[in-house]
Amino acid sequence: MNIITTDPLFGFVLTVLVFMIGVRINENFRKPWTNPLLFATVVIILILSLAHIPYKNYYIGGSIINDLIGPSTVALGIPLYKTFHLMKHHARSIVSSIAIAALVNCVFTALCAKFFSLSKLASLSIFPKSVTTAMAMGISDKMHGVEQITVVVVVATGILTSVLGGPLLKLFRITDPVAQGIALGGTGHAVGTGTAIELGKTQGAMAALSIGVTGIMYVIFAPIIAKIILGY
């Protein structure tokens, strides 16, 4: 068993297979809790736990998927290029709304960390939770947080956005494609952008744009808010 699980193909094939099953289930039921990413995460955790397979064995192959985060994020520039005219037309509202959202998010994160008396390392690590993994790790490193904690929080935020984003947009009757894309991409980064692409090309393009702008805003706001509210 150890020989099989340490083979790079094990983690890679398991991830892709479980995710594909999740996609088929989601196509048939279309419910928030049938989200493919959520399904794959839960199922893989159960498989590793029940089969007593060490995570380090799985990650030998699973890291191949992880290495694709950077290229996949860059690839989001394709729908952005195709709808560049929308970005120019809504530039002021896009930048201002993302800036306000990032500022509010940072303040809320700092207040939660203070309310729950989180340690300095934990508090600084959760700040970039709405930034795509590649950028979040850089922000966490500059703020002297723990990158492993940051990655977990970023993934959890992405999954929650993917699962709850659609229903919340319907609940608050947000129907504008630009607003939908910015909300999903600015909160759920690459994972949220995947959900936005399912809604339409405009939503996907705006979500891709918000990933980069949100990251820039967090670089500016996160250290300042951490210093003002938490004193770090």
C-alpha atoms as a PDB file:
ATOM      1  CA  MET A   1       0.000   0.000   0.000  1.00  0.00           C
ATOM      2  CA  ASN A   2       2.820   2.405   0.838  1.00  0.00           C
ATOM      3  CA  ILE A   3       4.411   1.772  -2.550  1.00  0.00           C
ATOM      4  CA  ILE A   4       1.128   2.613  -4.292  1.00  0.00           C
ATOM      5  CA  THR A   5       0.339   5.723  -2.259  1.00  0.00           C
ATOM      6  CA  THR A   6       3.823   7.203  -2.646  1.00  0.00           C
ATOM      7  CA  ASP A   7       3.588   6.967  -6.419  1.00  0.00           C
ATOM      8  CA  PRO A   8       2.960  10.499  -7.821  1.00  0.00           C
ATOM      9  CA  LEU A   9       0.143   9.097  -9.960  1.00  0.00           C
ATOM     10  CA  PHE A  10      -1.836   8.100  -6.856  1.00  0.00           C
ATOM     11  CA  GLY A  11      -2.485  11.617  -5.532  1.00  0.00           C
ATOM     12  CA  PHE A  12      -2.893  13.070  -9.006  1.00  0.00           C
ATOM     13  CA  VAL A  13      -5.329  10.448 -10.316  1.00  0.00           C
ATOM     14  CA  LEU A  14      -7.302  10.358  -7.055  1.00  0.00           C
ATOM     15  CA  THR A  15      -7.769  14.133  -7.117  1.00  0.00           C
ATOM     16  CA  VAL A  16      -8.815  14.302 -10.767  1.00  0.00           C
ATOM     17  CA  LEU A  17     -11.100  11.247 -10.532  1.00  0.00           C
ATOM     18  CA  VAL A  18     -12.941  12.408  -7.408  1.00  0.00           C
ATOM     19  CA  PHE A  19     -13.313  15.921  -8.815  1.00  0.00           C
ATOM     20  CA  MET A  20     -14.735  14.586 -12.095  1.00  0.00           C
ATOM     21  CA  ILE A  21     -17.271  12.544 -10.140  1.00  0.00           C
ATOM     22  CA  GLY A  22     -18.172  15.695  -8.241  1.00  0.00           C
ATOM     23  CA  VAL A  23     -18.676  17.568 -11.518  1.00  0.00           C
ATOM     24  CA  ARG A  24     -21.076  14.896 -12.800  1.00  0.00           C
ATOM     25  CA  ILE A  25     -23.038  14.939  -9.540  1.00  0.00           C
ATOM     26  CA  ASN A  26     -23.237  18.731  -9.650  1.00  0.00           C
ATOM     27  CA  GLU A  27     -24.482  18.638 -13.255  1.00  0.00           C
ATOM     28  CA  ASN A  28     -27.361  16.396 -12.214  1.00  0.00           C
ATOM     29  CA  PHE A  29     -28.413  18.100  -8.987  1.00  0.00           C
ATOM     30  CA  ARG A  30     -27.118  21.717  -9.146  1.00  0.00           C
ATOM     31  CA  LYS A  31     -27.241  22.327  -5.411  1.00  0.00           C
ATOM     32  CA  PRO A  32     -24.795  24.459  -3.363  1.00  0.00           C
ATOM     33  CA  TRP A  33     -23.686  21.416  -1.354  1.00  0.00           C
ATOM     34  CA  THR A  34     -22.917  19.423  -4.529  1.00  0.00           C
ATOM     35  CA  ASN A  35     -20.148  21.844  -5.460  1.00  0.00           C
ATOM     36  CA  PRO A  36     -17.357  19.735  -7.072  1.00  0.00           C
ATOM     37  CA  LEU A  37     -14.573  21.299  -5.008  1.00  0.00           C
ATOM     38  CA  LEU A  38     -16.433  20.767  -1.746  1.00  0.00           C
ATOM     39  CA  PHE A  39     -17.314  17.208  -2.779  1.00  0.00           C
ATOM     40  CA  ALA A  40     -13.722  16.390  -3.763  1.00  0.00           C
ATOM     41  CA  THR A  41     -12.303  17.877  -0.554  1.00  0.00           C
ATOM     42  CA  VAL A  42     -14.634  15.916   1.730  1.00  0.00           C
ATOM     43  CA  VAL A  43     -14.287  12.627  -0.170  1.00  0.00           C
ATOM     44  CA  ILE A  44     -10.485  12.759  -0.357  1.00  0.00           C
ATOM     45  CA  ILE A  45     -10.253  13.535   3.372  1.00  0.00           C
ATOM     46  CA  LEU A  46     -12.513  10.556   4.106  1.00  0.00           C
ATOM     47  CA  ILE A  47     -10.497   8.246   1.848  1.00  0.00           C
ATOM     48  CA  LEU A  48      -7.190   9.247   3.416  1.00  0.00           C
ATOM     49  CA  SER A  49      -8.605   8.934   6.939  1.00  0.00           C
ATOM     50  CA  LEU A  50     -10.381   5.597   6.495  1.00  0.00           C
ATOM     51  CA  ALA A  51      -7.495   4.025   4.566  1.00  0.00           C
ATOM     52  CA  HIS A  52      -4.913   5.475   6.998  1.00  0.00           C
ATOM     53  CA  ILE A  53      -2.968   7.036   4.140  1.00  0.00           C
ATOM     54  CA  PRO A  54      -0.544   9.742   5.305  1.00  0.00           C
ATOM     55  CA  TYR A  55      -1.188  13.150   3.788  1.00  0.00           C
ATOM     56  CA  LYS A  56       2.477  13.410   2.775  1.00  0.00           C
ATOM     57  CA  ASN A  57       2.015  10.329   0.593  1.00  0.00           C
ATOM     58  CA  TYR A  58      -1.029  11.793  -1.108  1.00  0.00           C
ATOM     59  CA  TYR A  59       0.644  15.169  -1.581  1.00  0.00           C
ATOM     60  CA  ILE A  60       3.480  13.673  -3.608  1.00  0.00           C
ATOM     61  CA  GLY A  61       1.047  13.497  -6.505  1.00  0.00           C
ATOM     62  CA  GLY A  62      -1.403  16.086  -5.217  1.00  0.00           C
ATOM     63  CA  SER A  63       1.313  18.733  -5.418  1.00  0.00           C
ATOM     64  CA  ILE A  64       1.138  18.453  -9.214  1.00  0.00           C
ATOM     65  CA  ILE A  65      -2.374  19.918  -9.033  1.00  0.00           C
ATOM     66  CA  ASN A  66      -1.126  22.565  -6.620  1.00  0.00           C
ATOM     67  CA  ASP A  67       1.595  23.615  -9.068  1.00  0.00           C
ATOM     68  CA  LEU A  68      -1.088  24.447 -11.614  1.00  0.00           C
ATOM     69  CA  ILE A  69      -2.531  27.239  -9.445  1.00  0.00           C
ATOM     70  CA  GLY A  70      -0.183  29.841 -10.902  1.00  0.00           C
ATOM     71  CA  PRO A  71      -0.734  28.975 -14.593  1.00  0.00           C
ATOM     72  CA  SER A  72      -4.499  28.649 -14.102  1.00  0.00           C
ATOM     73  CA  THR A  73      -4.632  32.091 -12.500  1.00  0.00           C
ATOM     74  CA  VAL A  74      -2.704  33.595 -15.410  1.00  0.00           C
ATOM     75  CA  ALA A  75      -5.044  31.827 -17.854  1.00  0.00           C
ATOM     76  CA  LEU A  76      -7.930  33.791 -16.376  1.00  0.00           C
ATOM     77  CA  GLY A  77      -6.535  36.741 -18.298  1.00  0.00           C
ATOM     78  CA  ILE A  78      -8.051  35.287 -21.506  1.00  0.00           C
ATOM     79  CA  PRO A  79     -11.712  36.061 -20.670  1.00  0.00           C
ATOM     80  CA  LEU A  80     -10.540  39.369 -19.208  1.00  0.00           C
ATOM     81  CA  TYR A  81      -8.936  40.316 -22.533  1.00  0.00           C
ATOM     82  CA  LYS A  82     -12.109  39.397 -24.421  1.00  0.00           C
ATOM     83  CA  THR A  83     -14.207  41.738 -22.276  1.00  0.00           C
ATOM     84  CA  PHE A  84     -11.618  44.504 -21.901  1.00  0.00           C
ATOM     85  CA  HIS A  85     -14.156  47.092 -23.054  1.00  0.00           C
ATOM     86  CA  LEU A  86     -16.229  46.399 -19.942  1.00  0.00           C
ATOM     87  CA  MET A  87     -13.236  46.919 -17.707  1.00  0.00           C
ATOM     88  CA  LYS A  88     -12.547  50.323 -19.289  1.00  0.00           C
ATOM     89  CA  HIS A  89     -16.178  51.352 -19.040  1.00  0.00           C
ATOM     90  CA  HIS A  90     -16.559  50.345 -15.385  1.00  0.00           C
ATOM     91  CA  ALA A  91     -12.956  51.040 -14.269  1.00  0.00           C
ATOM     92  CA  ARG A  92     -13.800  53.621 -11.605  1.00  0.00           C
ATOM     93  CA  SER A  93     -16.637  51.646 -10.005  1.00  0.00           C
ATOM     94  CA  ILE A  94     -14.666  48.384 -10.170  1.00  0.00           C
ATOM     95  CA  VAL A  95     -11.556  49.738  -8.459  1.00  0.00           C
ATOM     96  CA  SER A  96     -13.474  51.728  -5.841  1.00  0.00           C
ATOM     97  CA  SER A  97     -15.804  48.846  -4.942  1.00  0.00           C
ATOM     98  CA  ILE A  98     -12.940  46.354  -4.646  1.00  0.00           C
ATOM     99  CA  ALA A  99     -10.937  48.822  -2.537  1.00  0.00           C
ATOM    100  CA  ILE A 100     -13.860  49.344  -0.133  1.00  0.00           C
ATOM    101  CA  ALA A 101     -14.534  45.599   0.045  1.00  0.00           C
ATOM    102  CA  ALA A 102     -10.869  44.817   0.765  1.00  0.00           C
ATOM    103  CA  LEU A 103     -10.719  47.485   3.477  1.00  0.00           C
ATOM    104  CA  VAL A 104     -13.917  46.250   5.155  1.00  0.00           C
ATOM    105  CA  ASN A 105     -12.693  42.656   4.900  1.00  0.00           C
ATOM    106  CA  CYS A 106      -9.362  43.502   6.534  1.00  0.00           C
ATOM    107  CA  VAL A 107     -11.069  45.419   9.362  1.00  0.00           C
ATOM    108  CA  PHE A 108     -13.542  42.588   9.929  1.00  0.00           C
ATOM    109  CA  THR A 109     -10.716  40.009   9.969  1.00  0.00           C
ATOM    110  CA  ALA A 110      -8.735  42.050  12.482  1.00  0.00           C
ATOM    111  CA  LEU A 111     -11.765  42.522  14.736  1.00  0.00           C
ATOM    112  CA  CYS A 112     -12.528  38.785  14.653  1.00  0.00           C
ATOM    113  CA  ALA A 113      -8.916  37.956  15.493  1.00  0.00           C
ATOM    114  CA  LYS A 114      -9.043  40.376  18.417  1.00  0.00           C
ATOM    115  CA  PHE A 115     -12.450  39.153  19.627  1.00  0.00           C
ATOM    116  CA  PHE A 116     -11.364  35.505  19.641  1.00  0.00           C
ATOM    117  CA  SER A 117      -7.940  36.361  21.118  1.00  0.00           C
ATOM    118  CA  LEU A 118      -6.005  34.673  18.332  1.00  0.00           C
ATOM    119  CA  SER A 119      -2.248  34.540  18.588  1.00  0.00           C
ATOM    120  CA  LYS A 120      -0.117  36.958  16.596  1.00  0.00           C
ATOM    121  CA  LEU A 121       0.901  34.286  14.085  1.00  0.00           C
ATOM    122  CA  ALA A 122      -2.663  33.090  13.552  1.00  0.00           C
ATOM    123  CA  SER A 123      -4.015  36.631  13.253  1.00  0.00           C
ATOM    124  CA  LEU A 124      -1.493  37.680  10.621  1.00  0.00           C
ATOM    125  CA  SER A 125      -1.905  34.407   8.745  1.00  0.00           C
ATOM    126  CA  ILE A 126      -5.651  34.777   8.148  1.00  0.00           C
ATOM    127  CA  PHE A 127      -5.533  38.323   6.743  1.00  0.00           C
ATOM    128  CA  PRO A 128      -5.134  37.391   3.049  1.00  0.00           C
ATOM    129  CA  LYS A 129      -8.010  34.871   3.123  1.00  0.00           C
ATOM    130  CA  SER A 130      -9.730  36.371   0.079  1.00  0.00           C
ATOM    131  CA  VAL A 131      -6.582  36.568  -2.050  1.00  0.00           C
ATOM    132  CA  THR A 132      -5.616  33.823  -4.493  1.00  0.00           C
ATOM    133  CA  THR A 133      -3.125  31.330  -3.041  1.00  0.00           C
ATOM    134  CA  ALA A 134      -0.020  32.477  -4.909  1.00  0.00           C
ATOM    135  CA  MET A 135      -0.466  36.094  -3.776  1.00  0.00           C
ATOM    136  CA  ALA A 136      -1.786  35.186  -0.318  1.00  0.00           C
ATOM    137  CA  MET A 137       1.358  33.242   0.526  1.00  0.00           C
ATOM    138  CA  GLY A 138       3.479  36.236  -0.438  1.00  0.00           C
ATOM    139  CA  ILE A 139       1.396  38.604   1.697  1.00  0.00           C
ATOM    140  CA  SER A 140       1.482  36.185   4.632  1.00  0.00           C
ATOM    141  CA  ASP A 141       5.263  35.868   4.341  1.00  0.00           C
ATOM    142  CA  LYS A 142       5.765  39.646   4.292  1.00  0.00           C
ATOM    143  CA  MET A 143       3.514  40.023   7.348  1.00  0.00           C
ATOM    144  CA  HIS A 144       5.445  37.210   9.100  1.00  0.00           C
ATOM    145  CA  GLY A 145       2.468  34.885   9.223  1.00  0.00           C
ATOM    146  CA  VAL A 146       2.397  31.103   8.806  1.00  0.00           C
ATOM    147  CA  GLU A 147       1.943  30.184   5.150  1.00  0.00           C
ATOM    148  CA  GLN A 148       0.401  26.780   5.949  1.00  0.00           C
ATOM    149  CA  ILE A 149      -2.375  28.438   7.953  1.00  0.00           C
ATOM    150  CA  THR A 150      -2.887  30.974   5.187  1.00  0.00           C
ATOM    151  CA  VAL A 151      -3.313  28.260   2.553  1.00  0.00           C
ATOM    152  CA  VAL A 152      -5.937  26.439   4.645  1.00  0.00           C
ATOM    153  CA  VAL A 153      -7.914  29.639   5.241  1.00  0.00           C
ATOM    154  CA  VAL A 154      -7.678  30.662   1.580  1.00  0.00           C
ATOM    155  CA  VAL A 155      -8.960  27.274   0.405  1.00  0.00           C
ATOM    156  CA  ALA A 156     -11.777  27.299   2.976  1.00  0.00           C
ATOM    157  CA  THR A 157     -12.797  30.820   1.900  1.00  0.00           C
ATOM    158  CA  GLY A 158     -12.803  29.766  -1.744  1.00  0.00           C
ATOM    159  CA  ILE A 159     -14.983  26.732  -1.053  1.00  0.00           C
ATOM    160  CA  LEU A 160     -17.458  28.740   1.038  1.00  0.00           C
ATOM    161  CA  THR A 161     -17.678  31.389  -1.678  1.00  0.00           C
ATOM    162  CA  SER A 162     -18.233  28.756  -4.331  1.00  0.00           C
ATOM    163  CA  VAL A 163     -20.947  27.064  -2.280  1.00  0.00           C
ATOM    164  CA  LEU A 164     -22.731  30.127  -0.879  1.00  0.00           C
ATOM    165  CA  GLY A 165     -21.924  32.759  -3.517  1.00  0.00           C
ATOM    166  CA  GLY A 166     -24.694  31.868  -5.966  1.00  0.00           C
ATOM    167  CA  PRO A 167     -27.470  31.586  -3.373  1.00  0.00           C
ATOM    168  CA  LEU A 168     -26.411  34.860  -1.707  1.00  0.00           C
ATOM    169  CA  LEU A 169     -26.425  36.702  -5.031  1.00  0.00           C
ATOM    170  CA  LYS A 170     -29.981  35.459  -5.599  1.00  0.00           C
ATOM    171  CA  LEU A 171     -31.010  36.306  -2.033  1.00  0.00           C
ATOM    172  CA  PHE A 172     -29.872  39.913  -2.375  1.00  0.00           C
ATOM    173  CA  ARG A 173     -31.107  40.099  -5.991  1.00  0.00           C
ATOM    174  CA  ILE A 174     -27.734  41.024  -7.443  1.00  0.00           C
ATOM    175  CA  THR A 175     -28.269  40.422 -11.155  1.00  0.00           C
ATOM    176  CA  ASP A 176     -25.705  42.697 -12.801  1.00  0.00           C
ATOM    177  CA  PRO A 177     -23.013  40.472 -14.430  1.00  0.00           C
ATOM    178  CA  VAL A 178     -20.178  42.854 -13.529  1.00  0.00           C
ATOM    179  CA  ALA A 179     -21.236  43.027  -9.883  1.00  0.00           C
ATOM    180  CA  GLN A 180     -21.662  39.257  -9.703  1.00  0.00           C
ATOM    181  CA  GLY A 181     -18.192  38.631 -11.095  1.00  0.00           C
ATOM    182  CA  ILE A 182     -16.472  41.132  -8.815  1.00  0.00           C
ATOM    183  CA  ALA A 183     -18.255  39.752  -5.752  1.00  0.00           C
ATOM    184  CA  LEU A 184     -17.291  36.141  -6.482  1.00  0.00           C
ATOM    185  CA  GLY A 185     -13.725  36.828  -7.623  1.00  0.00           C
ATOM    186  CA  GLY A 186     -12.985  39.414  -4.963  1.00  0.00           C
ATOM    187  CA  THR A 187     -14.146  37.117  -2.171  1.00  0.00           C
ATOM    188  CA  GLY A 188     -13.422  33.620  -3.412  1.00  0.00           C
ATOM    189  CA  HIS A 189     -10.369  34.341  -5.649  1.00  0.00           C
ATOM    190  CA  ALA A 190      -9.695  31.586  -8.236  1.00  0.00           C
ATOM    191  CA  VAL A 191     -12.301  29.194  -6.798  1.00  0.00           C
ATOM    192  CA  GLY A 192     -14.948  31.904  -6.813  1.00  0.00           C
ATOM    193  CA  THR A 193     -13.923  32.788 -10.354  1.00  0.00           C
ATOM    194  CA  GLY A 194     -14.675  29.218 -11.398  1.00  0.00           C
ATOM    195  CA  THR A 195     -18.215  29.712 -10.115  1.00  0.00           C
ATOM    196  CA  ALA A 196     -18.420  33.080 -11.879  1.00  0.00           C
ATOM    197  CA  ILE A 197     -17.411  31.511 -15.208  1.00  0.00           C
ATOM    198  CA  GLU A 198     -20.332  29.106 -14.857  1.00  0.00           C
ATOM    199  CA  LEU A 199     -22.664  32.112 -14.657  1.00  0.00           C
ATOM    200  CA  GLY A 200     -21.317  33.719 -17.832  1.00  0.00           C
ATOM    201  CA  LYS A 201     -18.324  35.144 -19.699  1.00  0.00           C
ATOM    202  CA  THR A 202     -18.751  38.632 -18.299  1.00  0.00           C
ATOM    203  CA  GLN A 203     -18.938  37.343 -14.727  1.00  0.00           C
ATOM    204  CA  GLY A 204     -15.826  35.238 -15.304  1.00  0.00           C
ATOM    205  CA  ALA A 205     -13.857  38.130 -16.780  1.00  0.00           C
ATOM    206  CA  MET A 206     -14.785  40.510 -13.968  1.00  0.00           C
ATOM    207  CA  ALA A 207     -13.945  37.856 -11.376  1.00  0.00           C
ATOM    208  CA  ALA A 208     -10.533  37.339 -12.995  1.00  0.00           C
ATOM    209  CA  LEU A 209      -9.917  41.078 -12.899  1.00  0.00           C
ATOM    210  CA  SER A 210     -10.936  41.330  -9.247  1.00  0.00           C
ATOM    211  CA  ILE A 211      -8.376  38.685  -8.262  1.00  0.00           C
ATOM    212  CA  GLY A 212      -5.469  40.921  -9.222  1.00  0.00           C
ATOM    213  CA  VAL A 213      -6.978  44.165  -7.939  1.00  0.00           C
ATOM    214  CA  THR A 214      -7.996  42.530  -4.645  1.00  0.00           C
ATOM    215  CA  GLY A 215      -4.458  41.236  -4.167  1.00  0.00           C
ATOM    216  CA  ILE A 216      -3.027  44.729  -4.671  1.00  0.00           C
ATOM    217  CA  MET A 217      -5.514  46.236  -2.223  1.00  0.00           C
ATOM    218  CA  TYR A 218      -4.661  43.638   0.414  1.00  0.00           C
ATOM    219  CA  VAL A 219      -0.957  44.403   0.055  1.00  0.00           C
ATOM    220  CA  ILE A 220      -1.792  48.015   0.895  1.00  0.00           C
ATOM    221  CA  PHE A 221      -4.488  47.593   3.565  1.00  0.00           C
ATOM    222  CA  ALA A 222      -3.564  44.400   5.458  1.00  0.00           C
ATOM    223  CA  PRO A 223      -0.343  45.656   7.151  1.00  0.00           C
ATOM    224  CA  ILE A 224      -1.937  49.019   7.997  1.00  0.00           C
ATOM    225  CA  ILE A 225      -5.076  47.514   9.551  1.00  0.00           C
ATOM    226  CA  ALA A 226      -3.036  44.899  11.438  1.00  0.00           C
ATOM    227  CA  LYS A 227      -0.934  47.696  12.916  1.00  0.00           C
ATOM    228  CA  ILE A 228      -3.874  49.942  13.832  1.00  0.00           C
ATOM    229  CA  ILE A 229      -6.271  47.362  15.292  1.00  0.00           C
ATOM    230  CA  LEU A 230      -3.974  44.572  16.471  1.00  0.00           C
ATOM    231  CA  GLY A 231      -0.812  46.564  17.115  1.00  0.00           C
ATOM    232  CA  TYR A 232       1.358  44.153  15.110  1.00  0.00           C
END
